Amino acid sequence: MLSDAELSKLRWRCRRGFLENDLVLERLLKARGNEFTRDEFTQLKALLELDDNNLWDIIAGRNDDYPPDTEPMVATLRQTLSTH
């Protein structure tokens, strides 16, 4: 579980310049919030290091070139996209 401070920082990092990323990341945080495990937190932080276009292509399933250790979070983001 994340602390309130960690969750606040994560919310700030999820604010992107690309609306589609913003929407998916906002949905994910709203649904899961501080229930993120430490591994999920680490995976999401790694994905947030990518530029907006690459991140969107990964979330949208157009690009499978992402760090292998982030695969569970990529699947979660893709599911978040497909459920809304």
Protein backbone atom coordinates (compact mmCIF):
# COMPACT_ATOMS: atom_id res chain seq x y z
CA MET A 1 0.00 0.00 0.00
CA LEU A 2 1.14 3.52 -0.75
CA SER A 3 1.37 6.31 1.74
CA ASP A 4 -0.67 9.44 1.14
CA ALA A 5 2.52 11.29 0.18
CA GLU A 6 3.51 8.61 -2.35
CA LEU A 7 0.03 8.59 -3.85
CA SER A 8 0.05 12.38 -4.11
CA LYS A 9 3.40 12.30 -5.93
CA LEU A 10 2.15 9.55 -8.21
CA ARG A 11 -0.96 11.55 -9.08
CA TRP A 12 1.25 14.50 -9.97
CA ARG A 13 3.52 12.31 -12.16
CA CYS A 14 0.47 10.91 -13.95
CA ARG A 15 -0.45 14.36 -15.22
CA ARG A 16 0.70 14.23 -18.80
CA GLY A 17 0.62 16.51 -21.81
CA PHE A 18 -1.35 13.93 -23.78
CA LEU A 19 -5.06 13.80 -22.96
CA GLU A 20 -5.52 10.10 -23.70
CA ASN A 21 -2.74 9.18 -21.25
CA ASP A 22 -4.24 11.51 -18.66
CA LEU A 23 -7.63 9.85 -18.94
CA VAL A 24 -6.35 6.29 -18.60
CA LEU A 25 -3.99 7.12 -15.76
CA GLU A 26 -6.68 9.09 -13.94
CA ARG A 27 -9.11 6.16 -14.22
CA LEU A 28 -6.47 3.78 -12.93
CA LEU A 29 -5.66 5.95 -9.93
CA LYS A 30 -9.32 6.53 -9.18
CA ALA A 31 -10.05 2.80 -9.29
CA ARG A 32 -6.94 1.59 -7.44
CA GLY A 33 -5.55 4.58 -5.58
CA ASN A 34 -3.50 3.66 -2.56
CA GLU A 35 -4.18 -0.05 -3.09
CA PHE A 36 -1.19 -0.17 -5.43
CA THR A 37 1.39 -2.71 -4.38
CA ARG A 38 5.01 -1.64 -4.18
CA ASP A 39 5.74 -3.61 -7.39
CA GLU A 40 2.88 -1.93 -9.27
CA PHE A 41 4.08 1.46 -8.05
CA THR A 42 7.60 0.73 -9.31
CA GLN A 43 6.30 -0.53 -12.66
CA LEU A 44 4.09 2.51 -13.20
CA LYS A 45 6.92 4.88 -12.29
CA ALA A 46 9.13 3.18 -14.89
CA LEU A 47 6.45 3.56 -17.56
CA LEU A 48 5.96 7.22 -16.66
CA GLU A 49 9.59 7.80 -17.64
CA LEU A 50 8.58 7.20 -21.27
CA ASP A 51 7.54 10.09 -23.46
CA ASP A 52 3.82 10.63 -23.99
CA ASN A 53 3.63 9.22 -27.51
CA ASN A 54 5.49 6.03 -26.62
CA LEU A 55 3.41 5.55 -23.49
CA TRP A 56 0.18 5.98 -25.43
CA ASP A 57 1.29 3.53 -28.12
CA ILE A 58 2.03 0.97 -25.40
CA ILE A 59 -1.29 1.53 -23.62
CA ALA A 60 -3.19 1.38 -26.92
CA GLY A 61 -1.44 -1.88 -27.84
CA ARG A 62 0.33 -0.46 -30.87
CA ASN A 63 3.76 -0.97 -29.35
CA ASP A 64 4.99 -3.90 -27.31
CA ASP A 65 8.46 -2.45 -26.79
CA TYR A 66 8.44 -1.78 -23.05
CA PRO A 67 10.59 -3.00 -20.17
CA PRO A 68 9.71 -6.67 -19.52
CA ASP A 69 9.39 -6.08 -15.78
CA THR A 70 6.50 -3.65 -16.45
CA GLU A 71 4.34 -6.19 -18.30
CA PRO A 72 1.77 -6.59 -15.48
CA MET A 73 1.24 -2.81 -15.32
CA VAL A 74 0.97 -2.57 -19.10
CA ALA A 75 -1.76 -5.22 -18.97
CA THR A 76 -3.53 -3.27 -16.23
CA LEU A 77 -3.34 -0.02 -18.22
CA ARG A 78 -4.63 -1.73 -21.35
CA GLN A 79 -7.51 -3.23 -19.40
CA THR A 80 -8.28 0.19 -17.92
CA LEU A 81 -8.44 1.60 -21.44
CA SER A 82 -10.71 -1.16 -22.72
CA THR A 83 -13.18 -1.00 -19.84
CA HIS A 84 -14.16 2.62 -20.44
